[in-house]
Amino acid sequence: MAYKTDDIFSFSAFDPAKLTESFREFAEKGGAQSRDAYAKMKTAAEEATKTVESTLQSAQAGSVELGLKAIDAWRTNTDLSLSHMEALLGVKSVSELFELQTAFIRKQAEVTVEQAKSIQDAARKLAENVSQPSKVAAEKVIATFKVA
């Protein structure tokens, strides 16, 4: 029995053109996926930058508002104290002194409660405004992952 060497070494099923085509398709698909991933990362980075800028602007505006409220509270308290001192200079009896002092303490307590509420509301608003951009950005990211 004679064997033909042509039959042993022939690769009739192997087609280099098909291999080249498959490799090209694989490379193109990988390139497209890489471009898509890069575009998504670029968009995410741009959105993150916008979020940080928005957060910083909100924080700055809120800090200014809190500062103004603190200055207003200080001014009000100073005015009340000076008015009280002026009233004390005109006191003619111990009972009048106690009456002025009681009224001053009551007024000061009311004003302090109002100021605390006002500053607390401003601080809460600041916290909400500062956290809102991050919350929206996180929701976008989560929605993107749910879609993908």
Protein backbone atom coordinates (compact mmCIF):
# COMPACT_ATOMS: atom_id res chain seq x y z
CA MET A 1 0.00 0.00 0.00
CA ALA A 2 1.38 3.26 -1.05
CA TYR A 3 0.52 6.44 0.77
CA LYS A 4 0.41 9.65 -1.00
CA THR A 5 2.23 12.41 0.78
CA ASP A 6 -0.09 14.97 -0.81
CA ASP A 7 -3.07 13.63 1.14
CA ILE A 8 -1.30 13.62 4.53
CA PHE A 9 -0.07 17.19 4.44
CA SER A 10 -2.96 18.80 2.69
CA PHE A 11 -5.30 21.01 4.70
CA SER A 12 -8.30 21.21 2.51
CA ALA A 13 -10.48 22.54 5.39
CA PHE A 14 -8.02 25.30 6.23
CA ASP A 15 -8.66 28.44 4.24
CA PRO A 16 -6.30 31.35 5.03
CA ALA A 17 -8.77 33.85 3.52
CA LYS A 18 -11.45 32.81 6.01
CA LEU A 19 -8.99 33.09 8.91
CA THR A 20 -7.97 36.56 7.77
CA GLU A 21 -11.61 37.58 7.42
CA SER A 22 -12.46 36.24 10.87
CA PHE A 23 -9.49 38.01 12.42
CA ARG A 24 -10.42 41.30 10.70
CA GLU A 25 -14.04 41.01 11.93
CA PHE A 26 -12.81 40.27 15.44
CA ALA A 27 -10.44 43.26 15.35
CA GLU A 28 -13.15 45.58 13.99
CA LYS A 29 -15.62 44.42 16.62
CA GLY A 30 -13.02 44.94 19.38
CA GLY A 31 -12.19 48.38 18.01
CA ALA A 32 -15.87 49.35 17.90
CA GLN A 33 -16.38 48.15 21.46
CA SER A 34 -13.29 50.07 22.59
CA ARG A 35 -14.53 53.27 20.88
CA ASP A 36 -17.95 52.79 22.49
CA ALA A 37 -16.42 52.21 25.93
CA TYR A 38 -14.19 55.28 25.49
CA ALA A 39 -17.17 57.42 24.48
CA LYS A 40 -19.11 56.27 27.54
CA MET A 41 -16.14 56.93 29.82
CA LYS A 42 -15.63 60.38 28.28
CA THR A 43 -19.30 61.23 28.75
CA ALA A 44 -19.21 59.98 32.34
CA ALA A 45 -16.09 62.06 33.06
CA GLU A 46 -17.69 65.18 31.56
CA GLU A 47 -20.85 64.64 33.59
CA ALA A 48 -18.79 64.06 36.74
CA THR A 49 -16.96 67.34 36.12
CA LYS A 50 -20.27 69.17 35.67
CA THR A 51 -21.56 67.55 38.87
CA VAL A 52 -18.52 68.68 40.85
CA GLU A 53 -18.79 72.23 39.44
CA SER A 54 -22.49 72.37 40.27
CA THR A 55 -21.85 71.03 43.77
CA LEU A 56 -19.13 73.60 44.41
CA GLN A 57 -21.35 76.44 43.17
CA SER A 58 -24.19 75.27 45.42
CA ALA A 59 -21.83 74.96 48.37
CA GLN A 60 -20.44 78.42 47.79
CA ALA A 61 -23.88 80.02 47.44
CA GLY A 62 -25.14 78.17 50.52
CA SER A 63 -22.08 79.15 52.54
CA VAL A 64 -22.64 82.79 51.64
CA GLU A 65 -26.29 82.51 52.69
CA LEU A 66 -25.33 80.91 56.00
CA GLY A 67 -22.72 83.60 56.58
CA LEU A 68 -25.24 86.35 55.89
CA LYS A 69 -27.73 84.76 58.28
CA ALA A 70 -25.06 84.54 60.98
CA ILE A 71 -24.13 88.20 60.45
CA ASP A 72 -27.80 89.17 60.60
CA ALA A 73 -28.23 87.21 63.84
CA TRP A 74 -25.15 88.86 65.32
CA ARG A 75 -26.41 92.30 64.28
CA THR A 76 -29.87 91.65 65.76
CA ASN A 77 -28.42 90.36 69.03
CA THR A 78 -26.08 93.34 69.26
CA ASP A 79 -28.91 95.80 68.65
CA LEU A 80 -31.06 94.10 71.28
CA SER A 81 -28.21 94.16 73.80
CA LEU A 82 -27.44 97.83 73.17
CA SER A 83 -31.11 98.75 73.46
CA HIS A 84 -31.29 96.81 76.70
CA MET A 85 -28.20 98.60 78.08
CA GLU A 86 -29.75 101.97 77.21
CA ALA A 87 -32.96 100.96 78.97
CA LEU A 88 -30.99 99.83 82.03
CA LEU A 89 -29.38 103.27 82.31
CA GLY A 90 -32.84 104.77 82.89
CA VAL A 91 -33.89 102.32 85.63
CA LYS A 92 -35.26 104.01 88.76
CA SER A 93 -36.11 100.98 90.91
CA VAL A 94 -35.15 97.37 91.52
CA SER A 95 -38.57 96.17 90.36
CA GLU A 96 -38.13 98.05 87.07
CA LEU A 97 -34.68 96.43 86.70
CA PHE A 98 -36.17 92.93 87.15
CA GLU A 99 -39.00 93.74 84.73
CA LEU A 100 -36.56 94.99 82.04
CA GLN A 101 -34.22 92.05 82.59
CA THR A 102 -37.09 89.52 82.36
CA ALA A 103 -38.45 91.11 79.18
CA PHE A 104 -34.96 91.17 77.67
CA ILE A 105 -34.30 87.50 78.46
CA ARG A 106 -37.71 86.49 77.07
CA LYS A 107 -37.16 88.53 73.88
CA GLN A 108 -33.61 87.21 73.51
CA ALA A 109 -34.86 83.60 73.87
CA GLU A 110 -37.56 84.15 71.21
CA VAL A 111 -35.10 85.76 68.82
CA THR A 112 -32.54 82.98 69.40
CA VAL A 113 -35.13 80.29 68.60
CA GLU A 114 -36.13 82.12 65.39
CA GLN A 115 -32.49 82.54 64.41
CA ALA A 116 -31.74 78.88 65.07
CA LYS A 117 -34.69 77.82 62.92
CA SER A 118 -33.62 80.16 60.13
CA ILE A 119 -30.02 78.94 60.19
CA GLN A 120 -31.16 75.32 60.44
CA ASP A 121 -33.43 75.76 57.39
CA ALA A 122 -30.59 77.38 55.46
CA ALA A 123 -28.22 74.54 56.43
CA ARG A 124 -30.78 71.91 55.40
CA LYS A 125 -31.34 73.70 52.09
CA LEU A 126 -27.57 73.89 51.57
CA ALA A 127 -27.19 70.16 52.26
CA GLU A 128 -29.99 69.34 49.81
CA ASN A 129 -28.58 71.63 47.11
CA VAL A 130 -25.07 70.26 47.53
CA SER A 131 -26.17 66.61 47.48
CA GLN A 132 -28.71 66.97 44.64
CA PRO A 133 -26.23 67.00 41.70
CA SER A 134 -24.46 63.92 43.07
CA LYS A 135 -27.77 62.14 43.57
CA VAL A 136 -28.87 62.90 40.00
CA ALA A 137 -25.49 61.78 38.62
CA ALA A 138 -25.62 58.53 40.61
CA GLU A 139 -29.15 57.83 39.34
CA LYS A 140 -27.94 58.37 35.75
CA VAL A 141 -25.05 55.96 36.25
CA ILE A 142 -27.34 53.34 37.78
CA ALA A 143 -29.80 53.76 34.91
CA THR A 144 -26.96 53.31 32.42
CA PHE A 145 -25.91 50.05 34.04
CA LYS A 146 -29.50 48.80 34.12
CA VAL A 147 -29.85 49.43 30.39
CA ALA A 148 -26.55 47.74 29.55
